[in-house]
mmCIF file of all heavy atoms, coordinates in Angstrom:
data_MODEL
# 
_entry.id   MODEL 
# 
loop_
_atom_site.group_PDB 
_atom_site.id 
_atom_site.type_symbol 
_atom_site.label_atom_id 
_atom_site.label_alt_id 
_atom_site.label_comp_id 
_atom_site.label_asym_id 
_atom_site.label_entity_id 
_atom_site.label_seq_id 
_atom_site.pdbx_PDB_ins_code 
_atom_site.Cartn_x 
_atom_site.Cartn_y 
_atom_site.Cartn_z 
_atom_site.occupancy 
_atom_site.B_iso_or_equiv 
_atom_site.pdbx_formal_charge 
_atom_site.auth_seq_id 
_atom_site.auth_comp_id 
_atom_site.auth_asym_id 
_atom_site.auth_atom_id 
_atom_site.pdbx_PDB_model_num 
ATOM 1   N N   . ASP A 1 1  ? -26.272 -10.154 -52.593 1.00 0.00 ? 1  ASP A N   1 
ATOM 2   C CA  . ASP A 1 1  ? -25.247 -10.364 -53.576 1.00 0.00 ? 1  ASP A CA  1 
ATOM 3   C C   . ASP A 1 1  ? -25.526 -11.541 -54.267 1.00 0.00 ? 1  ASP A C   1 
ATOM 4   O O   . ASP A 1 1  ? -25.321 -12.573 -53.809 1.00 0.00 ? 1  ASP A O   1 
ATOM 5   C CB  . ASP A 1 1  ? -23.768 -10.500 -52.845 1.00 0.00 ? 1  ASP A CB  1 
ATOM 6   C CG  . ASP A 1 1  ? -22.620 -10.592 -53.856 1.00 0.00 ? 1  ASP A CG  1 
ATOM 7   O OD1 . ASP A 1 1  ? -22.851 -10.614 -54.977 1.00 0.00 ? 1  ASP A OD1 1 
ATOM 8   O OD2 . ASP A 1 1  ? -21.530 -10.610 -53.359 1.00 0.00 ? 1  ASP A OD2 1 
ATOM 9   N N   . HIS A 1 2  ? -26.025 -11.273 -55.572 1.00 0.00 ? 2  HIS A N   1 
ATOM 10  C CA  . HIS A 1 2  ? -26.413 -12.366 -56.430 1.00 0.00 ? 2  HIS A CA  1 
ATOM 11  C C   . HIS A 1 2  ? -25.176 -13.273 -56.966 1.00 0.00 ? 2  HIS A C   1 
ATOM 12  O O   . HIS A 1 2  ? -25.401 -14.112 -57.673 1.00 0.00 ? 2  HIS A O   1 
ATOM 13  C CB  . HIS A 1 2  ? -27.424 -12.038 -57.538 1.00 0.00 ? 2  HIS A CB  1 
ATOM 14  C CG  . HIS A 1 2  ? -26.906 -10.999 -58.460 1.00 0.00 ? 2  HIS A CG  1 
ATOM 15  N ND1 . HIS A 1 2  ? -26.827 -9.606  -58.117 1.00 0.00 ? 2  HIS A ND1 1 
ATOM 16  C CD2 . HIS A 1 2  ? -26.211 -10.994 -59.608 1.00 0.00 ? 2  HIS A CD2 1 
ATOM 17  C CE1 . HIS A 1 2  ? -26.183 -8.941  -58.979 1.00 0.00 ? 2  HIS A CE1 1 
ATOM 18  N NE2 . HIS A 1 2  ? -25.802 -9.790  -59.965 1.00 0.00 ? 2  HIS A NE2 1 
ATOM 19  N N   . ASN A 1 3  ? -23.961 -12.931 -56.579 1.00 0.00 ? 3  ASN A N   1 
ATOM 20  C CA  . ASN A 1 3  ? -22.858 -13.650 -57.069 1.00 0.00 ? 3  ASN A CA  1 
ATOM 21  C C   . ASN A 1 3  ? -22.417 -14.683 -56.119 1.00 0.00 ? 3  ASN A C   1 
ATOM 22  O O   . ASN A 1 3  ? -21.486 -15.385 -56.356 1.00 0.00 ? 3  ASN A O   1 
ATOM 23  C CB  . ASN A 1 3  ? -21.741 -12.517 -57.304 1.00 0.00 ? 3  ASN A CB  1 
ATOM 24  C CG  . ASN A 1 3  ? -21.873 -11.652 -58.451 1.00 0.00 ? 3  ASN A CG  1 
ATOM 25  O OD1 . ASN A 1 3  ? -22.381 -12.095 -59.433 1.00 0.00 ? 3  ASN A OD1 1 
ATOM 26  N ND2 . ASN A 1 3  ? -21.712 -10.340 -58.224 1.00 0.00 ? 3  ASN A ND2 1 
ATOM 27  N N   . ILE A 1 4  ? -23.048 -14.776 -54.997 1.00 0.00 ? 4  ILE A N   1 
ATOM 28  C CA  . ILE A 1 4  ? -22.755 -15.754 -53.970 1.00 0.00 ? 4  ILE A CA  1 
ATOM 29  C C   . ILE A 1 4  ? -23.321 -17.182 -54.502 1.00 0.00 ? 4  ILE A C   1 
ATOM 30  O O   . ILE A 1 4  ? -24.353 -17.216 -55.131 1.00 0.00 ? 4  ILE A O   1 
ATOM 31  C CB  . ILE A 1 4  ? -23.447 -15.411 -52.579 1.00 0.00 ? 4  ILE A CB  1 
ATOM 32  C CG1 . ILE A 1 4  ? -22.941 -14.136 -52.041 1.00 0.00 ? 4  ILE A CG1 1 
ATOM 33  C CG2 . ILE A 1 4  ? -23.398 -16.610 -51.601 1.00 0.00 ? 4  ILE A CG2 1 
ATOM 34  C CD1 . ILE A 1 4  ? -23.590 -13.688 -50.885 1.00 0.00 ? 4  ILE A CD1 1 
ATOM 35  N N   . THR A 1 5  ? -22.434 -18.116 -54.198 1.00 0.00 ? 5  THR A N   1 
ATOM 36  C CA  . THR A 1 5  ? -22.931 -19.449 -54.572 1.00 0.00 ? 5  THR A CA  1 
ATOM 37  C C   . THR A 1 5  ? -23.307 -20.274 -53.292 1.00 0.00 ? 5  THR A C   1 
ATOM 38  O O   . THR A 1 5  ? -22.736 -20.046 -52.235 1.00 0.00 ? 5  THR A O   1 
ATOM 39  C CB  . THR A 1 5  ? -21.630 -20.262 -55.101 1.00 0.00 ? 5  THR A CB  1 
ATOM 40  O OG1 . THR A 1 5  ? -21.100 -19.591 -56.204 1.00 0.00 ? 5  THR A OG1 1 
ATOM 41  C CG2 . THR A 1 5  ? -22.084 -21.656 -55.563 1.00 0.00 ? 5  THR A CG2 1 
ATOM 42  N N   . VAL A 1 6  ? -24.473 -20.863 -53.391 1.00 0.00 ? 6  VAL A N   1 
ATOM 43  C CA  . VAL A 1 6  ? -25.018 -21.639 -52.294 1.00 0.00 ? 6  VAL A CA  1 
ATOM 44  C C   . VAL A 1 6  ? -24.910 -23.145 -52.648 1.00 0.00 ? 6  VAL A C   1 
ATOM 45  O O   . VAL A 1 6  ? -25.416 -23.654 -53.586 1.00 0.00 ? 6  VAL A O   1 
ATOM 46  C CB  . VAL A 1 6  ? -26.476 -21.348 -52.141 1.00 0.00 ? 6  VAL A CB  1 
ATOM 47  C CG1 . VAL A 1 6  ? -27.171 -22.213 -50.954 1.00 0.00 ? 6  VAL A CG1 1 
ATOM 48  C CG2 . VAL A 1 6  ? -26.762 -19.886 -51.893 1.00 0.00 ? 6  VAL A CG2 1 
ATOM 49  N N   . ASN A 1 7  ? -24.023 -23.725 -51.856 1.00 0.00 ? 7  ASN A N   1 
ATOM 50  C CA  . ASN A 1 7  ? -23.774 -25.227 -51.890 1.00 0.00 ? 7  ASN A CA  1 
ATOM 51  C C   . ASN A 1 7  ? -24.572 -25.955 -50.862 1.00 0.00 ? 7  ASN A C   1 
ATOM 52  O O   . ASN A 1 7  ? -24.452 -25.614 -49.625 1.00 0.00 ? 7  ASN A O   1 
ATOM 53  C CB  . ASN A 1 7  ? -22.328 -25.534 -51.681 1.00 0.00 ? 7  ASN A CB  1 
ATOM 54  C CG  . ASN A 1 7  ? -21.369 -24.966 -52.735 1.00 0.00 ? 7  ASN A CG  1 
ATOM 55  O OD1 . ASN A 1 7  ? -21.727 -25.015 -53.922 1.00 0.00 ? 7  ASN A OD1 1 
ATOM 56  N ND2 . ASN A 1 7  ? -20.291 -24.337 -52.285 1.00 0.00 ? 7  ASN A ND2 1 
ATOM 57  N N   . ILE A 1 8  ? -25.519 -26.832 -51.276 1.00 0.00 ? 8  ILE A N   1 
ATOM 58  C CA  . ILE A 1 8  ? -26.419 -27.639 -50.316 1.00 0.00 ? 8  ILE A CA  1 
ATOM 59  C C   . ILE A 1 8  ? -25.682 -28.899 -50.135 1.00 0.00 ? 8  ILE A C   1 
ATOM 60  O O   . ILE A 1 8  ? -25.315 -29.654 -50.961 1.00 0.00 ? 8  ILE A O   1 
ATOM 61  C CB  . ILE A 1 8  ? -27.774 -27.781 -51.000 1.00 0.00 ? 8  ILE A CB  1 
ATOM 62  C CG1 . ILE A 1 8  ? -28.375 -26.315 -51.326 1.00 0.00 ? 8  ILE A CG1 1 
ATOM 63  C CG2 . ILE A 1 8  ? -28.667 -28.543 -50.149 1.00 0.00 ? 8  ILE A CG2 1 
ATOM 64  C CD1 . ILE A 1 8  ? -29.722 -26.370 -51.989 1.00 0.00 ? 8  ILE A CD1 1 
ATOM 65  N N   . ILE A 1 9  ? -25.602 -29.165 -48.765 1.00 0.00 ? 9  ILE A N   1 
ATOM 66  C CA  . ILE A 1 9  ? -24.900 -30.323 -48.239 1.00 0.00 ? 9  ILE A CA  1 
ATOM 67  C C   . ILE A 1 9  ? -25.823 -31.327 -47.758 1.00 0.00 ? 9  ILE A C   1 
ATOM 68  O O   . ILE A 1 9  ? -26.737 -30.857 -46.874 1.00 0.00 ? 9  ILE A O   1 
ATOM 69  C CB  . ILE A 1 9  ? -23.904 -29.994 -47.216 1.00 0.00 ? 9  ILE A CB  1 
ATOM 70  C CG1 . ILE A 1 9  ? -22.964 -28.803 -47.619 1.00 0.00 ? 9  ILE A CG1 1 
ATOM 71  C CG2 . ILE A 1 9  ? -23.080 -31.154 -46.827 1.00 0.00 ? 9  ILE A CG2 1 
ATOM 72  C CD1 . ILE A 1 9  ? -22.038 -28.999 -48.731 1.00 0.00 ? 9  ILE A CD1 1 
ATOM 73  N N   . LYS A 1 10 ? -25.844 -32.565 -48.046 1.00 0.00 ? 10 LYS A N   1 
ATOM 74  C CA  . LYS A 1 10 ? -26.646 -33.649 -47.506 1.00 0.00 ? 10 LYS A CA  1 
ATOM 75  C C   . LYS A 1 10 ? -25.727 -34.952 -47.388 1.00 0.00 ? 10 LYS A C   1 
ATOM 76  O O   . LYS A 1 10 ? -25.079 -35.199 -48.356 1.00 0.00 ? 10 LYS A O   1 
ATOM 77  C CB  . LYS A 1 10 ? -27.887 -33.996 -48.251 1.00 0.00 ? 10 LYS A CB  1 
ATOM 78  C CG  . LYS A 1 10 ? -28.814 -32.831 -48.105 1.00 0.00 ? 10 LYS A CG  1 
ATOM 79  C CD  . LYS A 1 10 ? -30.330 -33.230 -48.672 1.00 0.00 ? 10 LYS A CD  1 
ATOM 80  C CE  . LYS A 1 10 ? -31.192 -31.954 -48.511 1.00 0.00 ? 10 LYS A CE  1 
ATOM 81  N NZ  . LYS A 1 10 ? -32.438 -32.139 -49.147 1.00 0.00 ? 10 LYS A NZ  1 
ATOM 82  N N   . GLY A 1 11 ? -25.631 -35.644 -46.255 1.00 0.00 ? 11 GLY A N   1 
ATOM 83  C CA  . GLY A 1 11 ? -24.775 -36.708 -46.179 1.00 0.00 ? 11 GLY A CA  1 
ATOM 84  C C   . GLY A 1 11 ? -23.340 -36.369 -46.369 1.00 0.00 ? 11 GLY A C   1 
ATOM 85  O O   . GLY A 1 11 ? -22.693 -37.268 -47.026 1.00 0.00 ? 11 GLY A O   1 
ATOM 86  N N   . ASP A 1 12 ? -22.911 -35.305 -45.955 1.00 0.00 ? 12 ASP A N   1 
ATOM 87  C CA  . ASP A 1 12 ? -21.566 -34.903 -45.980 1.00 0.00 ? 12 ASP A CA  1 
ATOM 88  C C   . ASP A 1 12 ? -20.985 -34.577 -47.454 1.00 0.00 ? 12 ASP A C   1 
ATOM 89  O O   . ASP A 1 12 ? -19.864 -34.495 -47.743 1.00 0.00 ? 12 ASP A O   1 
ATOM 90  C CB  . ASP A 1 12 ? -20.536 -35.958 -45.432 1.00 0.00 ? 12 ASP A CB  1 
ATOM 91  C CG  . ASP A 1 12 ? -20.862 -36.249 -43.897 1.00 0.00 ? 12 ASP A CG  1 
ATOM 92  O OD1 . ASP A 1 12 ? -21.010 -35.186 -43.232 1.00 0.00 ? 12 ASP A OD1 1 
ATOM 93  O OD2 . ASP A 1 12 ? -20.844 -37.345 -43.509 1.00 0.00 ? 12 ASP A OD2 1 
ATOM 94  N N   . ARG A 1 13 ? -21.993 -34.456 -48.362 1.00 0.00 ? 13 ARG A N   1 
ATOM 95  C CA  . ARG A 1 13 ? -21.732 -34.303 -49.857 1.00 0.00 ? 13 ARG A CA  1 
ATOM 96  C C   . ARG A 1 13 ? -22.448 -32.988 -50.436 1.00 0.00 ? 13 ARG A C   1 
ATOM 97  O O   . ARG A 1 13 ? -23.536 -32.847 -49.960 1.00 0.00 ? 13 ARG A O   1 
ATOM 98  C CB  . ARG A 1 13 ? -21.948 -35.490 -50.739 1.00 0.00 ? 13 ARG A CB  1 
ATOM 99  C CG  . ARG A 1 13 ? -21.012 -36.627 -50.365 1.00 0.00 ? 13 ARG A CG  1 
ATOM 100 C CD  . ARG A 1 13 ? -21.507 -37.807 -51.273 1.00 0.00 ? 13 ARG A CD  1 
ATOM 101 N NE  . ARG A 1 13 ? -20.474 -38.846 -51.068 1.00 0.00 ? 13 ARG A NE  1 
ATOM 102 C CZ  . ARG A 1 13 ? -19.423 -39.094 -52.042 1.00 0.00 ? 13 ARG A CZ  1 
ATOM 103 N NH1 . ARG A 1 13 ? -19.300 -38.349 -52.931 1.00 0.00 ? 13 ARG A NH1 1 
ATOM 104 N NH2 . ARG A 1 13 ? -18.629 -39.968 -51.708 1.00 0.00 ? 13 ARG A NH2 1 
ATOM 105 N N   . ILE A 1 14 ? -21.721 -32.347 -51.330 1.00 0.00 ? 14 ILE A N   1 
ATOM 106 C CA  . ILE A 1 14 ? -22.483 -31.311 -52.047 1.00 0.00 ? 14 ILE A CA  1 
ATOM 107 C C   . ILE A 1 14 ? -23.527 -31.977 -53.046 1.00 0.00 ? 14 ILE A C   1 
ATOM 108 O O   . ILE A 1 14 ? -23.039 -32.789 -53.893 1.00 0.00 ? 14 ILE A O   1 
ATOM 109 C CB  . ILE A 1 14 ? -21.683 -30.452 -52.798 1.00 0.00 ? 14 ILE A CB  1 
ATOM 110 C CG1 . ILE A 1 14 ? -20.689 -29.565 -51.927 1.00 0.00 ? 14 ILE A CG1 1 
ATOM 111 C CG2 . ILE A 1 14 ? -22.425 -29.406 -53.665 1.00 0.00 ? 14 ILE A CG2 1 
ATOM 112 C CD1 . ILE A 1 14 ? -19.634 -28.808 -52.505 1.00 0.00 ? 14 ILE A CD1 1 
ATOM 113 N N   . VAL A 1 15 ? -24.793 -31.769 -52.810 1.00 0.00 ? 15 VAL A N   1 
ATOM 114 C CA  . VAL A 1 15 ? -25.823 -32.408 -53.624 1.00 0.00 ? 15 VAL A CA  1 
ATOM 115 C C   . VAL A 1 15 ? -26.422 -31.504 -54.676 1.00 0.00 ? 15 VAL A C   1 
ATOM 116 O O   . VAL A 1 15 ? -27.009 -31.731 -55.724 1.00 0.00 ? 15 VAL A O   1 
ATOM 117 C CB  . VAL A 1 15 ? -26.960 -32.996 -52.897 1.00 0.00 ? 15 VAL A CB  1 
ATOM 118 C CG1 . VAL A 1 15 ? -26.537 -34.175 -51.957 1.00 0.00 ? 15 VAL A CG1 1 
ATOM 119 C CG2 . VAL A 1 15 ? -27.696 -32.013 -51.922 1.00 0.00 ? 15 VAL A CG2 1 
ATOM 120 N N   . GLU A 1 16 ? -26.184 -30.210 -54.371 1.00 0.00 ? 16 GLU A N   1 
ATOM 121 C CA  . GLU A 1 16 ? -26.720 -29.123 -55.445 1.00 0.00 ? 16 GLU A CA  1 
ATOM 122 C C   . GLU A 1 16 ? -25.944 -27.874 -55.099 1.00 0.00 ? 16 GLU A C   1 
ATOM 123 O O   . GLU A 1 16 ? -25.622 -27.410 -54.082 1.00 0.00 ? 16 GLU A O   1 
ATOM 124 C CB  . GLU A 1 16 ? -28.241 -29.032 -55.004 1.00 0.00 ? 16 GLU A CB  1 
ATOM 125 C CG  . GLU A 1 16 ? -28.849 -28.043 -55.910 1.00 0.00 ? 16 GLU A CG  1 
ATOM 126 C CD  . GLU A 1 16 ? -30.440 -27.938 -55.671 1.00 0.00 ? 16 GLU A CD  1 
ATOM 127 O OE1 . GLU A 1 16 ? -30.898 -28.535 -54.871 1.00 0.00 ? 16 GLU A OE1 1 
ATOM 128 O OE2 . GLU A 1 16 ? -31.010 -27.005 -56.320 1.00 0.00 ? 16 GLU A OE2 1 
ATOM 129 N N   . LYS A 1 17 ? -25.846 -27.164 -56.174 1.00 0.00 ? 17 LYS A N   1 
ATOM 130 C CA  . LYS A 1 17 ? -25.248 -25.772 -56.213 1.00 0.00 ? 17 LYS A CA  1 
ATOM 131 C C   . LYS A 1 17 ? -26.242 -24.803 -56.818 1.00 0.00 ? 17 LYS A C   1 
ATOM 132 O O   . LYS A 1 17 ? -26.714 -25.011 -57.917 1.00 0.00 ? 17 LYS A O   1 
ATOM 133 C CB  . LYS A 1 17 ? -23.956 -25.664 -57.075 1.00 0.00 ? 17 LYS A CB  1 
ATOM 134 C CG  . LYS A 1 17 ? -22.788 -26.313 -56.369 1.00 0.00 ? 17 LYS A CG  1 
ATOM 135 C CD  . LYS A 1 17 ? -21.519 -26.080 -57.232 1.00 0.00 ? 17 LYS A CD  1 
ATOM 136 C CE  . LYS A 1 17 ? -20.340 -26.685 -56.508 1.00 0.00 ? 17 LYS A CE  1 
ATOM 137 N NZ  . LYS A 1 17 ? -19.251 -25.788 -56.554 1.00 0.00 ? 17 LYS A NZ  1 
ATOM 138 N N   . LYS A 1 18 ? -26.679 -23.811 -55.995 1.00 0.00 ? 18 LYS A N   1 
ATOM 139 C CA  . LYS A 1 18 ? -27.636 -22.882 -56.463 1.00 0.00 ? 18 LYS A CA  1 
ATOM 140 C C   . LYS A 1 18 ? -26.933 -21.576 -56.816 1.00 0.00 ? 18 LYS A C   1 
ATOM 141 O O   . LYS A 1 18 ? -26.176 -21.085 -55.884 1.00 0.00 ? 18 LYS A O   1 
ATOM 142 C CB  . LYS A 1 18 ? -28.667 -22.559 -55.360 1.00 0.00 ? 18 LYS A CB  1 
ATOM 143 C CG  . LYS A 1 18 ? -29.635 -23.816 -55.226 1.00 0.00 ? 18 LYS A CG  1 
ATOM 144 C CD  . LYS A 1 18 ? -30.770 -23.413 -54.244 1.00 0.00 ? 18 LYS A CD  1 
ATOM 145 C CE  . LYS A 1 18 ? -31.717 -24.522 -54.203 1.00 0.00 ? 18 LYS A CE  1 
ATOM 146 N NZ  . LYS A 1 18 ? -33.084 -24.323 -54.457 1.00 0.00 ? 18 LYS A NZ  1 
ATOM 147 N N   . GLU A 1 19 ? -27.285 -21.036 -57.890 1.00 0.00 ? 19 GLU A N   1 
ATOM 148 C CA  . GLU A 1 19 ? -26.798 -19.682 -58.277 1.00 0.00 ? 19 GLU A CA  1 
ATOM 149 C C   . GLU A 1 19 ? -27.854 -18.761 -57.956 1.00 0.00 ? 19 GLU A C   1 
ATOM 150 O O   . GLU A 1 19 ? -29.165 -19.049 -58.229 1.00 0.00 ? 19 GLU A O   1 
ATOM 151 C CB  . GLU A 1 19 ? -26.355 -19.633 -59.650 1.00 0.00 ? 19 GLU A CB  1 
ATOM 152 C CG  . GLU A 1 19 ? -24.966 -20.271 -59.933 1.00 0.00 ? 19 GLU A CG  1 
ATOM 153 C CD  . GLU A 1 19 ? -24.404 -20.132 -61.223 1.00 0.00 ? 19 GLU A CD  1 
ATOM 154 O OE1 . GLU A 1 19 ? -24.597 -18.981 -61.783 1.00 0.00 ? 19 GLU A OE1 1 
ATOM 155 O OE2 . GLU A 1 19 ? -23.745 -20.979 -61.674 1.00 0.00 ? 19 GLU A OE2 1 
ATOM 156 N N   . LEU A 1 20 ? -27.634 -17.584 -57.423 1.00 0.00 ? 20 LEU A N   1 
ATOM 157 C CA  . LEU A 1 20 ? -28.583 -16.566 -57.014 1.00 0.00 ? 20 LEU A CA  1 
ATOM 158 C C   . LEU A 1 20 ? -28.863 -15.603 -58.087 1.00 0.00 ? 20 LEU A C   1 
ATOM 159 O O   . LEU A 1 20 ? -27.901 -15.369 -58.940 1.00 0.00 ? 20 LEU A O   1 
ATOM 160 C CB  . LEU A 1 20 ? -28.136 -15.940 -55.753 1.00 0.00 ? 20 LEU A CB  1 
ATOM 161 C CG  . LEU A 1 20 ? -27.853 -16.791 -54.590 1.00 0.00 ? 20 LEU A CG  1 
ATOM 162 C CD1 . LEU A 1 20 ? -27.370 -15.971 -53.427 1.00 0.00 ? 20 LEU A CD1 1 
ATOM 163 C CD2 . LEU A 1 20 ? -29.157 -17.579 -54.200 1.00 0.00 ? 20 LEU A CD2 1 
ATOM 164 N N   . HIS A 1 21 ? -30.017 -15.167 -58.099 1.00 0.00 ? 21 HIS A N   1 
ATOM 165 C CA  . HIS A 1 21 ? -30.344 -13.987 -59.004 1.00 0.00 ? 21 HIS A CA  1 
ATOM 166 C C   . HIS A 1 21 ? -31.002 -12.878 -58.237 1.00 0.00 ? 21 HIS A C   1 
ATOM 167 O O   . HIS A 1 21 ? -31.629 -13.056 -57.162 1.00 0.00 ? 21 HIS A O   1 
ATOM 168 C CB  . HIS A 1 21 ? -31.384 -14.494 -60.110 1.00 0.00 ? 21 HIS A CB  1 
ATOM 169 C CG  . HIS A 1 21 ? -30.772 -15.834 -60.774 1.00 0.00 ? 21 HIS A CG  1 
ATOM 170 N ND1 . HIS A 1 21 ? -29.886 -15.735 -61.898 1.00 0.00 ? 21 HIS A ND1 1 
ATOM 171 C CD2 . HIS A 1 21 ? -31.007 -17.110 -60.635 1.00 0.00 ? 21 HIS A CD2 1 
ATOM 172 C CE1 . HIS A 1 21 ? -29.564 -16.998 -62.275 1.00 0.00 ? 21 HIS A CE1 1 
ATOM 173 N NE2 . HIS A 1 21 ? -30.243 -17.716 -61.526 1.00 0.00 ? 21 HIS A NE2 1 
ATOM 174 N N   . LEU A 1 22 ? -30.943 -11.758 -58.838 1.00 0.00 ? 22 LEU A N   1 
ATOM 175 C CA  . LEU A 1 22 ? -31.656 -10.629 -58.241 1.00 0.00 ? 22 LEU A CA  1 
ATOM 176 C C   . LEU A 1 22 ? -33.277 -10.952 -58.149 1.00 0.00 ? 22 LEU A C   1 
ATOM 177 O O   . LEU A 1 22 ? -33.821 -11.362 -59.191 1.00 0.00 ? 22 LEU A O   1 
ATOM 178 C CB  . LEU A 1 22 ? -31.514 -9.249  -59.065 1.00 0.00 ? 22 LEU A CB  1 
ATOM 179 C CG  . LEU A 1 22 ? -30.312 -8.600  -59.019 1.00 0.00 ? 22 LEU A CG  1 
ATOM 180 C CD1 . LEU A 1 22 ? -30.204 -7.437  -59.949 1.00 0.00 ? 22 LEU A CD1 1 
ATOM 181 C CD2 . LEU A 1 22 ? -29.988 -8.038  -57.637 1.00 0.00 ? 22 LEU A CD2 1 
ATOM 182 N N   . PRO A 1 23 ? -33.736 -10.901 -57.002 1.00 0.00 ? 23 PRO A N   1 
ATOM 183 C CA  . PRO A 1 23 ? -35.318 -11.261 -56.900 1.00 0.00 ? 23 PRO A CA  1 
ATOM 184 C C   . PRO A 1 23 ? -36.131 -10.217 -57.484 1.00 0.00 ? 23 PRO A C   1 
ATOM 185 O O   . PRO A 1 23 ? -35.779 -9.071  -57.496 1.00 0.00 ? 23 PRO A O   1 
ATOM 186 C CB  . PRO A 1 23 ? -35.476 -11.313 -55.411 1.00 0.00 ? 23 PRO A CB  1 
ATOM 187 C CG  . PRO A 1 23 ? -34.381 -10.402 -54.813 1.00 0.00 ? 23 PRO A CG  1 
ATOM 188 C CD  . PRO A 1 23 ? -33.219 -10.463 -55.759 1.00 0.00 ? 23 PRO A CD  1 
ATOM 189 N N   . LYS A 1 24 ? -37.201 -10.677 -58.106 1.00 0.00 ? 24 LYS A N   1 
ATOM 190 C CA  . LYS A 1 24 ? -38.124 -9.741  -58.748 1.00 0.00 ? 24 LYS A CA  1 
ATOM 191 C C   . LYS A 1 24 ? -38.872 -8.831  -57.634 1.00 0.00 ? 24 LYS A C   1 
ATOM 192 O O   . LYS A 1 24 ? -39.250 -7.710  -58.034 1.00 0.00 ? 24 LYS A O   1 
ATOM 193 C CB  . LYS A 1 24 ? -39.217 -10.580 -59.498 1.00 0.00 ? 24 LYS A CB  1 
ATOM 194 C CG  . LYS A 1 24 ? -38.600 -11.365 -60.476 1.00 0.00 ? 24 LYS A CG  1 
ATOM 195 C CD  . LYS A 1 24 ? -38.987 -11.046 -61.989 1.00 0.00 ? 24 LYS A CD  1 
ATOM 196 C CE  . LYS A 1 24 ? -38.577 -12.024 -62.917 1.00 0.00 ? 24 LYS A CE  1 
ATOM 197 N NZ  . LYS A 1 24 ? -37.356 -11.643 -63.485 1.00 0.00 ? 24 LYS A NZ  1 
ATOM 198 N N   . GLN A 1 25 ? -38.791 -9.340  -56.553 1.00 0.00 ? 25 GLN A N   1 
ATOM 199 C CA  . GLN A 1 25 ? -39.582 -8.551  -55.364 1.00 0.00 ? 25 GLN A CA  1 
ATOM 200 C C   . GLN A 1 25 ? -38.824 -8.902  -54.066 1.00 0.00 ? 25 GLN A C   1 
ATOM 201 O O   . GLN A 1 25 ? -38.453 -9.925  -53.798 1.00 0.00 ? 25 GLN A O   1 
ATOM 202 C CB  . GLN A 1 25 ? -41.041 -9.074  -55.388 1.00 0.00 ? 25 GLN A CB  1 
ATOM 203 C CG  . GLN A 1 25 ? -41.768 -8.663  -54.086 1.00 0.00 ? 25 GLN A CG  1 
ATOM 204 C CD  . GLN A 1 25 ? -43.191 -9.027  -54.062 1.00 0.00 ? 25 GLN A CD  1 
ATOM 205 O OE1 . GLN A 1 25 ? -43.972 -8.808  -55.040 1.00 0.00 ? 25 GLN A OE1 1 
ATOM 206 N NE2 . GLN A 1 25 ? -43.646 -9.820  -53.076 1.00 0.00 ? 25 GLN A NE2 1 
ATOM 207 N N   . VAL A 1 26 ? -38.673 -7.844  -53.234 1.00 0.00 ? 26 VAL A N   1 
ATOM 208 C CA  . VAL A 1 26 ? -38.112 -7.966  -51.928 1.00 0.00 ? 26 VAL A CA  1 
ATOM 209 C C   . VAL A 1 26 ? -39.082 -7.474  -51.014 1.00 0.00 ? 26 VAL A C   1 
ATOM 210 O O   . VAL A 1 26 ? -39.718 -6.350  -51.107 1.00 0.00 ? 26 VAL A O   1 
ATOM 211 C CB  . VAL A 1 26 ? -36.662 -7.341  -51.795 1.00 0.00 ? 26 VAL A CB  1 
ATOM 212 C CG1 . VAL A 1 26 ? -35.665 -8.065  -52.523 1.00 0.00 ? 26 VAL A CG1 1 
ATOM 213 C CG2 . VAL A 1 26 ? -36.727 -5.985  -52.153 1.00 0.00 ? 26 VAL A CG2 1 
ATOM 214 N N   . VAL A 1 27 ? -39.374 -8.188  -49.880 1.00 0.00 ? 27 VAL A N   1 
ATOM 215 C CA  . VAL A 1 27 ? -40.315 -7.795  -48.842 1.00 0.00 ? 27 VAL A CA  1 
ATOM 216 C C   . VAL A 1 27 ? -39.619 -7.515  -47.560 1.00 0.00 ? 27 VAL A C   1 
ATOM 217 O O   . VAL A 1 27 ? -38.879 -8.457  -47.054 1.00 0.00 ? 27 VAL A O   1 
ATOM 218 C CB  . VAL A 1 27 ? -41.326 -8.895  -48.677 1.00 0.00 ? 27 VAL A CB  1 
ATOM 219 C CG1 . VAL A 1 27 ? -42.415 -8.500  -47.566 1.00 0.00 ? 27 VAL A CG1 1 
ATOM 220 C CG2 . VAL A 1 27 ? -42.081 -9.170  -49.975 1.00 0.00 ? 27 VAL A CG2 1 
ATOM 221 N N   . ASN A 1 28 ? -39.787 -6.442  -47.017 1.00 0.00 ? 28 ASN A N   1 
ATOM 222 C CA  . ASN A 1 28 ? -39.089 -6.023  -45.647 1.00 0.00 ? 28 ASN A CA  1 
ATOM 223 C C   . ASN A 1 28 ? -37.631 -6.067  -45.631 1.00 0.00 ? 28 ASN A C   1 
ATOM 224 O O   . ASN A 1 28 ? -37.069 -6.407  -44.621 1.00 0.00 ? 28 ASN A O   1 
ATOM 225 C CB  . ASN A 1 28 ? -39.797 -6.942  -44.539 1.00 0.00 ? 28 ASN A CB  1 
ATOM 226 C CG  . ASN A 1 28 ? -41.255 -6.570  -44.432 1.00 0.00 ? 28 ASN A CG  1 
ATOM 227 O OD1 . ASN A 1 28 ? -41.738 -5.444  -44.703 1.00 0.00 ? 28 ASN A OD1 1 
ATOM 228 N ND2 . ASN A 1 28 ? -42.021 -7.624  -44.062 1.00 0.00 ? 28 ASN A ND2 1 
ATOM 229 N N   . VAL A 1 29 ? -36.953 -5.873  -46.796 1.00 0.00 ? 29 VAL A N   1 
ATOM 230 C CA  . VAL A 1 29 ? -35.567 -5.827  -46.812 1.00 0.00 ? 29 VAL A CA  1 
ATOM 231 C C   . VAL A 1 29 ? -35.170 -4.424  -46.933 1.00 0.00 ? 29 VAL A C   1 
ATOM 232 O O   . VAL A 1 29 ? -34.281 -3.888  -46.343 1.00 0.00 ? 29 VAL A O   1 
ATOM 233 C CB  . VAL A 1 29 ? -35.025 -6.598  -47.936 1.00 0.00 ? 29 VAL A CB  1 
ATOM 234 C CG1 . VAL A 1 29 ? -33.460 -6.550  -48.096 1.00 0.00 ? 29 VAL A CG1 1 
ATOM 235 C CG2 . VAL A 1 29 ? -35.452 -8.174  -47.763 1.00 0.00 ? 29 VAL A CG2 1 
# 
């Protein structure tokens, strides 16, 4: 689901938010 938001946490804080995209290639999925 490329609509999921990934919040990366370091030191108890959100340091980065990654938005996902459809991958160009999927392996063994």
